[in-house]
Protein backbone atom coordinates (compact mmCIF):
# COMPACT_ATOMS: atom_id res chain seq x y z
CA MET A 1 0.00 0.00 0.00
CA HIS A 2 2.79 2.42 0.81
CA SER A 3 4.52 1.93 -2.52
CA VAL A 4 1.33 2.92 -4.37
CA PHE A 5 1.02 6.00 -2.16
CA TRP A 6 4.58 7.11 -2.89
CA PHE A 7 4.12 6.38 -6.58
CA PHE A 8 1.24 8.85 -6.77
CA VAL A 9 2.98 11.39 -4.54
CA PHE A 10 5.95 11.46 -6.89
CA SER A 11 3.83 11.45 -10.04
CA PHE A 12 1.71 14.34 -8.73
CA SER A 13 4.87 16.39 -8.19
CA ILE A 14 4.41 17.66 -11.75
CA TYR A 15 1.53 19.74 -10.37
CA ILE A 16 4.09 21.96 -8.63
CA ALA A 17 5.48 22.97 -12.01
CA GLY A 18 2.00 23.28 -13.51
CA ILE A 19 0.73 25.57 -10.75
CA LEU A 20 3.86 27.72 -10.85
CA ALA A 21 3.50 28.01 -14.62
CA ILE A 22 -0.08 29.25 -14.23
CA ILE A 23 0.93 31.77 -11.58
CA ARG A 24 3.83 33.17 -13.62
CA LEU A 25 2.29 32.79 -17.09
CA LYS A 26 2.43 36.48 -18.00
CA LYS A 27 6.11 36.70 -17.06
CA ILE A 28 7.18 33.63 -19.04
CA ASN A 29 8.59 34.12 -22.52
CA LYS A 30 6.30 32.78 -25.27
CA VAL A 31 9.13 30.60 -26.54
CA TYR A 32 8.55 28.34 -23.51
CA TYR A 33 4.80 27.88 -24.08
CA PRO A 34 5.16 24.47 -25.80
CA PHE A 35 7.06 23.27 -22.72
CA LEU A 36 4.30 24.59 -20.47
CA ILE A 37 1.72 22.79 -22.57
CA CYS A 38 3.72 19.56 -22.09
CA ILE A 39 3.64 20.12 -18.34
CA TRP A 40 -0.12 20.74 -18.31
CA ILE A 41 -0.78 17.71 -20.51
CA GLY A 42 1.34 15.70 -18.05
CA CYS A 43 -0.81 16.98 -15.17
CA ILE A 44 -3.98 15.89 -16.95
CA ASN A 45 -2.44 12.49 -17.71
CA GLU A 46 -1.44 11.94 -14.08
CA LEU A 47 -4.93 12.85 -12.90
CA LEU A 48 -6.50 10.43 -15.40
CA THR A 49 -4.07 7.70 -14.38
CA PHE A 50 -5.00 8.19 -10.72
CA LEU A 51 -8.73 8.12 -11.45
CA LEU A 52 -8.41 5.01 -13.60
CA TYR A 53 -6.34 3.33 -10.88
CA LYS A 54 -9.07 4.04 -8.33
CA GLN A 55 -11.62 2.42 -10.66
CA HIS A 56 -9.30 -0.61 -11.15
CA ASN A 57 -8.87 0.14 -14.87
CA THR A 58 -5.74 0.21 -16.97
CA SER A 59 -4.08 3.49 -17.87
CA ALA A 60 -2.53 2.19 -21.07
CA ILE A 61 -4.83 4.13 -23.39
CA ASN A 62 -4.40 7.52 -21.78
CA SER A 63 -0.66 6.99 -21.39
CA ASN A 64 -0.27 6.13 -25.07
CA ILE A 65 -2.35 9.15 -26.09
CA TYR A 66 -0.22 11.31 -23.80
CA ILE A 67 2.99 10.07 -25.39
CA LEU A 68 1.65 10.67 -28.90
CA VAL A 69 0.43 14.20 -28.13
CA GLU A 70 3.65 15.15 -26.38
CA SER A 71 5.83 13.81 -29.19
CA LEU A 72 3.75 15.64 -31.80
CA LEU A 73 4.00 18.84 -29.80
CA ILE A 74 7.76 18.50 -29.49
CA ASN A 75 8.11 17.82 -33.21
CA VAL A 76 5.89 20.74 -34.20
CA SER A 77 7.61 23.17 -31.82
CA SER A 78 11.06 22.25 -33.10
CA ILE A 79 10.24 23.26 -36.68
């Protein structure tokens, strides 16, 4: 039980970066917006993973969609 707790504590640590990005959004250079979008997408993915875990479902679908969206965003932003 404790290992599952620590797993979600560490995976929810991305919310620290997401909240700080929201607070400082107007001060952040627009060049970094794709990175911020990756952070926010990661926050949504971690929340979905947690909710699916609580319902005893697999998180394979949302994790694969997350990886595809993030890779497309990285490829588009590097052009």
